[in-house]
Amino acid sequence: FHLQVSVQDLLLDELLRSFAPESADRWAGSLTLASSVQGLGIDIVSCRSEHDVAVSEVELTGHPLIQKIAEFFQAEDLQRLQFSQVTARMVTNLGTAHITNLRMDGPVLRVRGDGTTSLVDTTLDLRLQLEVPIQYAGKISALASLLPKLTGDAGFVRIPFHLSGTWA
């Protein structure tokens, strides 16, 4: 089969709730998606797909990954993240999604990166660059001496961040 799908302004929470009810109320946003999927249909893992994803007005709360970021920066207010825009390109083959051009723009966290995630065992391996306001990075003692070198425009600190584990 060969399938092409375009979606505009679909509520992210409603979509994710149908596939993963435990994710209810953790994600909010408006999804725009252009996808192409091809395969044999009898083995979903062997399907190949390409997706251009854009989500506007995103809010993430309560997910273990978000909680880990809040713990890392020792900041309770990072447990609810807001982004004006999240975009990425994903190519899926043999059950693994290769993510490129990941970009998340928010008032207290900006993310750039790429990596992979397995749709079979829900593992992920992302290489990210986080940009956070200097007051969050200043709470991490190991970064204190490096802050002047890491601080960029508008008082944001750029921190390389490797995220691996599971996303379920």
Protein backbone atom coordinates (compact mmCIF):
# COMPACT_ATOMS: atom_id res chain seq x y z
CA PHE A 1 0.00 0.00 0.00
CA HIS A 2 0.91 3.64 -0.32
CA LEU A 3 -0.85 6.21 1.83
CA GLN A 4 -0.54 9.98 1.93
CA VAL A 5 -2.06 11.89 4.81
CA SER A 6 -2.33 15.60 5.52
CA VAL A 7 -3.75 16.91 8.76
CA GLN A 8 -4.27 20.51 9.75
CA ASP A 9 -5.11 21.87 13.21
CA LEU A 10 -5.87 18.50 14.83
CA LEU A 11 -5.91 18.70 18.63
CA LEU A 12 -2.84 16.78 19.79
CA ASP A 13 -4.38 15.59 23.06
CA GLU A 14 -7.33 13.97 21.26
CA LEU A 15 -5.06 12.15 18.82
CA LEU A 16 -2.67 10.85 21.48
CA ARG A 17 -5.55 9.89 23.80
CA SER A 18 -6.86 7.47 21.14
CA PHE A 19 -3.50 5.69 20.83
CA ALA A 20 -2.24 6.01 24.42
CA PRO A 21 -5.01 6.71 26.94
CA GLU A 22 -2.42 7.07 29.72
CA SER A 23 -1.13 10.20 27.96
CA ALA A 24 -4.41 12.05 28.50
CA ASP A 25 -3.96 15.64 29.68
CA ARG A 26 -0.16 15.55 29.28
CA TRP A 27 0.02 17.10 25.82
CA ALA A 28 -1.82 20.02 24.28
CA GLY A 29 -1.39 21.72 20.95
CA SER A 30 -2.60 21.98 17.39
CA LEU A 31 -1.01 19.46 15.00
CA THR A 32 -0.27 19.99 11.31
CA LEU A 33 1.16 16.92 9.61
CA ALA A 34 2.13 15.81 6.11
CA SER A 35 2.88 12.08 5.91
CA SER A 36 3.64 9.42 3.37
CA VAL A 37 3.52 5.73 4.40
CA GLN A 38 4.25 2.68 2.27
CA GLY A 39 4.59 -1.02 3.00
CA LEU A 40 3.02 -4.44 2.75
CA GLY A 41 0.43 -3.98 5.47
CA ILE A 42 1.01 -7.39 7.03
CA ASP A 43 4.09 -6.23 8.92
CA ILE A 44 3.71 -2.70 10.27
CA VAL A 45 7.34 -2.64 11.44
CA SER A 46 8.61 -3.02 7.87
CA CYS A 47 6.61 -0.01 6.66
CA ARG A 48 8.51 3.09 5.63
CA SER A 49 7.11 6.52 6.36
CA GLU A 50 8.08 10.15 6.12
CA HIS A 51 6.50 12.84 8.27
CA ASP A 52 6.83 16.61 8.43
CA VAL A 53 5.38 17.62 11.77
CA ALA A 54 4.46 21.05 13.11
CA VAL A 55 2.64 21.61 16.38
CA SER A 56 1.67 25.08 17.56
CA GLU A 57 0.84 26.30 21.05
CA VAL A 58 2.25 23.16 22.69
CA GLU A 59 2.00 22.44 26.40
CA LEU A 60 3.63 19.39 27.99
CA THR A 61 2.93 18.37 31.58
CA GLY A 62 3.35 15.34 33.80
CA HIS A 63 5.43 13.19 31.43
CA PRO A 64 8.45 11.46 33.04
CA LEU A 65 10.82 13.03 30.48
CA ILE A 66 9.60 16.51 31.38
CA GLN A 67 9.99 15.70 35.07
CA LYS A 68 13.61 14.64 34.45
CA ILE A 69 14.37 17.97 32.79
CA ALA A 70 12.82 19.82 35.76
CA GLU A 71 14.90 17.71 38.17
CA PHE A 72 18.09 18.33 36.18
CA PHE A 73 17.64 22.10 36.37
CA GLN A 74 16.20 21.93 39.92
CA ALA A 75 13.23 24.02 38.79
CA GLU A 76 9.63 23.08 39.64
CA ASP A 77 8.25 25.52 37.06
CA LEU A 78 9.84 23.46 34.25
CA GLN A 79 7.37 20.62 34.92
CA ARG A 80 4.89 22.42 32.66
CA LEU A 81 6.59 23.40 29.43
CA GLN A 82 5.08 25.66 26.81
CA PHE A 83 6.29 26.07 23.24
CA SER A 84 4.91 28.39 20.60
CA GLN A 85 6.09 25.97 17.90
CA VAL A 86 7.50 22.43 17.67
CA THR A 87 8.69 21.15 14.29
CA ALA A 88 10.53 18.04 13.12
CA ARG A 89 11.06 15.71 10.20
CA MET A 90 10.79 11.96 10.84
CA VAL A 91 11.61 9.06 8.57
CA THR A 92 10.53 5.67 9.91
CA ASN A 93 11.98 2.42 8.65
CA LEU A 94 12.05 -1.05 10.26
CA GLY A 95 10.32 0.26 13.37
CA THR A 96 12.80 3.05 14.06
CA ALA A 97 11.99 6.72 13.61
CA HIS A 98 14.93 8.90 12.60
CA ILE A 99 14.21 12.43 13.78
CA THR A 100 15.94 15.39 12.15
CA ASN A 101 15.55 19.13 12.40
CA LEU A 102 13.80 18.94 15.78
CA ARG A 103 13.07 22.48 16.92
CA MET A 104 11.08 23.53 19.97
CA ASP A 105 10.69 27.23 20.76
CA GLY A 106 9.43 28.32 24.15
CA PRO A 107 9.89 31.19 26.58
CA VAL A 108 11.98 29.19 29.10
CA LEU A 109 13.29 26.32 26.98
CA ARG A 110 14.48 26.12 23.40
CA VAL A 111 15.52 22.77 21.96
CA ARG A 112 17.37 21.82 18.78
CA GLY A 113 18.44 18.32 17.86
CA ASP A 114 18.07 14.97 16.19
CA GLY A 115 18.16 11.28 17.02
CA THR A 116 16.18 8.07 16.90
CA THR A 117 13.30 6.42 18.68
CA SER A 118 12.12 2.83 18.43
CA LEU A 119 8.42 2.39 17.87
CA VAL A 120 8.74 -1.28 18.90
CA ASP A 121 10.38 -1.03 22.33
CA THR A 122 9.74 2.73 22.96
CA THR A 123 13.43 3.57 23.42
CA LEU A 124 14.91 6.87 22.35
CA ASP A 125 18.32 8.35 21.76
CA LEU A 126 18.31 12.11 21.14
CA ARG A 127 21.23 14.50 20.83
CA LEU A 128 19.92 17.90 21.81
CA GLN A 129 21.06 21.41 22.42
CA LEU A 130 19.02 23.03 25.16
CA GLU A 131 18.85 26.76 25.63
CA VAL A 132 17.63 27.87 29.04
CA PRO A 133 17.67 31.20 30.85
CA ILE A 134 20.85 31.69 32.86
CA GLN A 135 18.97 31.50 36.19
CA TYR A 136 18.16 27.80 35.55
CA ALA A 137 21.65 26.85 34.42
CA GLY A 138 23.12 28.71 37.39
CA LYS A 139 21.54 26.15 39.74
CA ILE A 140 23.84 23.43 38.37
CA SER A 141 27.14 23.81 40.20
CA ALA A 142 29.11 21.93 37.52
CA LEU A 143 28.15 24.65 35.01
CA ALA A 144 28.99 27.65 37.18
CA SER A 145 32.51 28.21 35.84
CA LEU A 146 31.37 27.60 32.24
CA LEU A 147 28.36 29.95 32.22
CA PRO A 148 30.18 32.93 30.67
CA LYS A 149 31.33 30.71 27.76
CA LEU A 150 27.92 29.07 27.29
CA THR A 151 25.72 32.17 27.51
CA GLY A 152 24.39 33.40 24.19
CA ASP A 153 21.88 35.99 23.12
CA ALA A 154 19.24 37.33 25.47
CA GLY A 155 20.76 35.59 28.54
CA PHE A 156 20.12 32.02 27.37
CA VAL A 157 22.68 29.32 28.12
CA ARG A 158 23.36 26.63 25.50
CA ILE A 159 23.81 23.16 26.96
CA PRO A 160 24.48 19.97 24.99
CA PHE A 161 22.11 17.29 26.29
CA HIS A 162 21.96 13.58 25.45
CA LEU A 163 18.59 12.05 26.23
CA SER A 164 18.22 8.28 26.15
CA GLY A 165 15.86 5.80 27.73
CA THR A 166 12.19 5.04 27.12
CA TRP A 167 9.35 7.39 26.32
CA ALA A 168 6.38 5.26 27.32
